[in-house]
C-alpha atoms as a PDB file:
ATOM      1  CA  UNK A   1      -0.061   0.018   0.099  1.00  0.00           C
ATOM      2  CA  UNK A   2       0.843   3.577  -0.675  1.00  0.00           C
ATOM      3  CA  UNK A   3       2.708   5.155   2.352  1.00  0.00           C
ATOM      4  CA  UNK A   4       1.123   8.337   1.599  1.00  0.00           C
ATOM      5  CA  UNK A   5      -2.402   7.493   0.846  1.00  0.00           C
ATOM      6  CA  UNK A   6      -5.162   6.805   3.374  1.00  0.00           C
ATOM      7  CA  UNK A   7      -7.156   3.142   3.076  1.00  0.00           C
ATOM      8  CA  UNK A   8     -10.697   3.048   2.645  1.00  0.00           C
ATOM      9  CA  UNK A   9     -10.892   2.112   6.268  1.00  0.00           C
ATOM     10  CA  UNK A  10      -9.212   5.254   7.393  1.00  0.00           C
ATOM     11  CA  UNK A  11     -11.572   7.578   5.189  1.00  0.00           C
ATOM     12  CA  UNK A  12     -14.859   5.776   6.739  1.00  0.00           C
ATOM     13  CA  UNK A  13     -13.639   6.343  10.309  1.00  0.00           C
ATOM     14  CA  UNK A  14     -12.948  10.171   9.399  1.00  0.00           C
ATOM     15  CA  UNK A  15     -16.077  10.326   7.920  1.00  0.00           C
ATOM     16  CA  UNK A  16     -17.889   8.700  10.918  1.00  0.00           C
ATOM     17  CA  UNK A  17     -16.107  11.109  13.232  1.00  0.00           C
ATOM     18  CA  UNK A  18     -17.085  14.268  11.478  1.00  0.00           C
ATOM     19  CA  UNK A  19     -20.428  13.127  11.505  1.00  0.00           C
ATOM     20  CA  UNK A  20     -20.257  12.537  15.156  1.00  0.00           C
ATOM     21  CA  UNK A  21     -18.613  15.601  15.949  1.00  0.00           C
ATOM     22  CA  UNK A  22     -21.462  17.673  13.747  1.00  0.00           C
ATOM     23  CA  UNK A  23     -24.464  15.950  15.640  1.00  0.00           C
ATOM     24  CA  UNK A  24     -23.084  15.992  18.960  1.00  0.00           C
ATOM     25  CA  UNK A  25     -22.308  19.420  18.359  1.00  0.00           C
ATOM     26  CA  UNK A  26     -25.556  20.489  17.251  1.00  0.00           C
ATOM     27  CA  UNK A  27     -27.154  18.731  20.114  1.00  0.00           C
ATOM     28  CA  UNK A  28     -25.161  20.428  22.499  1.00  0.00           C
ATOM     29  CA  UNK A  29     -26.166  23.697  21.104  1.00  0.00           C
ATOM     30  CA  UNK A  30     -30.008  22.659  20.915  1.00  0.00           C
ATOM     31  CA  UNK A  31     -29.776  21.596  24.441  1.00  0.00           C
ATOM     32  CA  UNK A  32     -28.199  25.037  25.375  1.00  0.00           C
ATOM     33  CA  UNK A  33     -30.818  27.272  23.435  1.00  0.00           C
ATOM     34  CA  UNK A  34     -33.513  25.135  24.817  1.00  0.00           C
ATOM     35  CA  UNK A  35     -32.783  25.793  28.511  1.00  0.00           C
ATOM     36  CA  UNK A  36     -32.715  29.633  27.184  1.00  0.00           C
ATOM     37  CA  UNK A  37     -35.897  29.021  25.916  1.00  0.00           C
ATOM     38  CA  UNK A  38     -37.292  27.364  29.182  1.00  0.00           C
ATOM     39  CA  UNK A  39     -35.750  30.031  31.453  1.00  0.00           C
ATOM     40  CA  UNK A  40     -37.943  32.536  29.305  1.00  0.00           C
ATOM     41  CA  UNK A  41     -40.838  30.779  29.645  1.00  0.00           C
ATOM     42  CA  UNK A  42     -40.438  29.844  33.135  1.00  0.00           C
ATOM     43  CA  UNK A  43     -40.039  33.597  34.213  1.00  0.00           C
ATOM     44  CA  UNK A  44     -42.551  34.989  32.062  1.00  0.00           C
ATOM     45  CA  UNK A  45     -40.094  37.314  30.215  1.00  0.00           C
ATOM     46  CA  UNK A  46     -41.088  39.563  27.513  1.00  0.00           C
ATOM     47  CA  UNK A  47     -40.036  42.091  25.245  1.00  0.00           C
ATOM     48  CA  UNK A  48     -36.333  43.102  25.299  1.00  0.00           C
ATOM     49  CA  UNK A  49     -35.818  40.532  28.299  1.00  0.00           C
ATOM     50  CA  UNK A  50     -37.086  37.791  26.268  1.00  0.00           C
ATOM     51  CA  UNK A  51     -34.934  38.566  22.971  1.00  0.00           C
ATOM     52  CA  UNK A  52     -31.758  39.113  25.172  1.00  0.00           C
ATOM     53  CA  UNK A  53     -31.964  35.663  26.908  1.00  0.00           C
ATOM     54  CA  UNK A  54     -32.983  34.061  23.640  1.00  0.00           C
ATOM     55  CA  UNK A  55     -29.818  35.868  22.043  1.00  0.00           C
ATOM     56  CA  UNK A  56     -27.516  35.316  24.973  1.00  0.00           C
ATOM     57  CA  UNK A  57     -28.791  31.364  24.777  1.00  0.00           C
ATOM     58  CA  UNK A  58     -28.129  31.118  20.978  1.00  0.00           C
ATOM     59  CA  UNK A  59     -24.753  32.567  21.144  1.00  0.00           C
ATOM     60  CA  UNK A  60     -23.759  30.319  23.863  1.00  0.00           C
ATOM     61  CA  UNK A  61     -25.397  27.202  22.244  1.00  0.00           C
ATOM     62  CA  UNK A  62     -23.502  28.224  19.007  1.00  0.00           C
ATOM     63  CA  UNK A  63     -20.083  28.651  20.713  1.00  0.00           C
ATOM     64  CA  UNK A  64     -20.523  25.537  23.118  1.00  0.00           C
ATOM     65  CA  UNK A  65     -21.163  23.543  19.868  1.00  0.00           C
ATOM     66  CA  UNK A  66     -18.100  24.912  18.210  1.00  0.00           C
ATOM     67  CA  UNK A  67     -16.001  23.898  21.016  1.00  0.00           C
ATOM     68  CA  UNK A  68     -17.532  20.368  21.071  1.00  0.00           C
ATOM     69  CA  UNK A  69     -16.575  20.279  17.381  1.00  0.00           C
ATOM     70  CA  UNK A  70     -13.098  21.235  17.572  1.00  0.00           C
ATOM     71  CA  UNK A  71     -12.562  19.125  20.668  1.00  0.00           C
ATOM     72  CA  UNK A  72     -13.774  16.117  19.022  1.00  0.00           C
ATOM     73  CA  UNK A  73     -11.902  16.307  15.716  1.00  0.00           C
ATOM     74  CA  UNK A  74      -8.703  17.381  17.454  1.00  0.00           C
ATOM     75  CA  UNK A  75      -9.002  14.233  19.761  1.00  0.00           C
ATOM     76  CA  UNK A  76      -9.458  11.851  16.769  1.00  0.00           C
ATOM     77  CA  UNK A  77      -6.713  13.590  15.016  1.00  0.00           C
ATOM     78  CA  UNK A  78      -4.197  13.087  18.016  1.00  0.00           C
ATOM     79  CA  UNK A  79      -5.691   9.597  18.257  1.00  0.00           C
ATOM     80  CA  UNK A  80      -4.980   8.770  13.989  1.00  0.00           C
ATOM     81  CA  UNK A  81      -1.471  10.133  14.605  1.00  0.00           C
ATOM     82  CA  UNK A  82      -0.539   8.119  17.455  1.00  0.00           C
ATOM     83  CA  UNK A  83      -1.979   5.131  15.297  1.00  0.00           C
ATOM     84  CA  UNK A  84      -5.177   4.264  18.019  1.00  0.00           C
END
């Protein structure tokens, strides 16, 4: 086999890991946004307070999702480089 090329198994493993990272990042972001939405409903917020909490939930959810995505992919890359 060519040492410079990846095997089909390695390509499939990368695809699975990318999909796993994307799905878990989306779920994490959704859970955080849902928590913000529940907070709005529980406190009965409206107007600018409601908008502020939802925007903060969206920003925090997006940041947490991005963090999860990068963390999973970097961990996979580190394991791939060490041969695990």
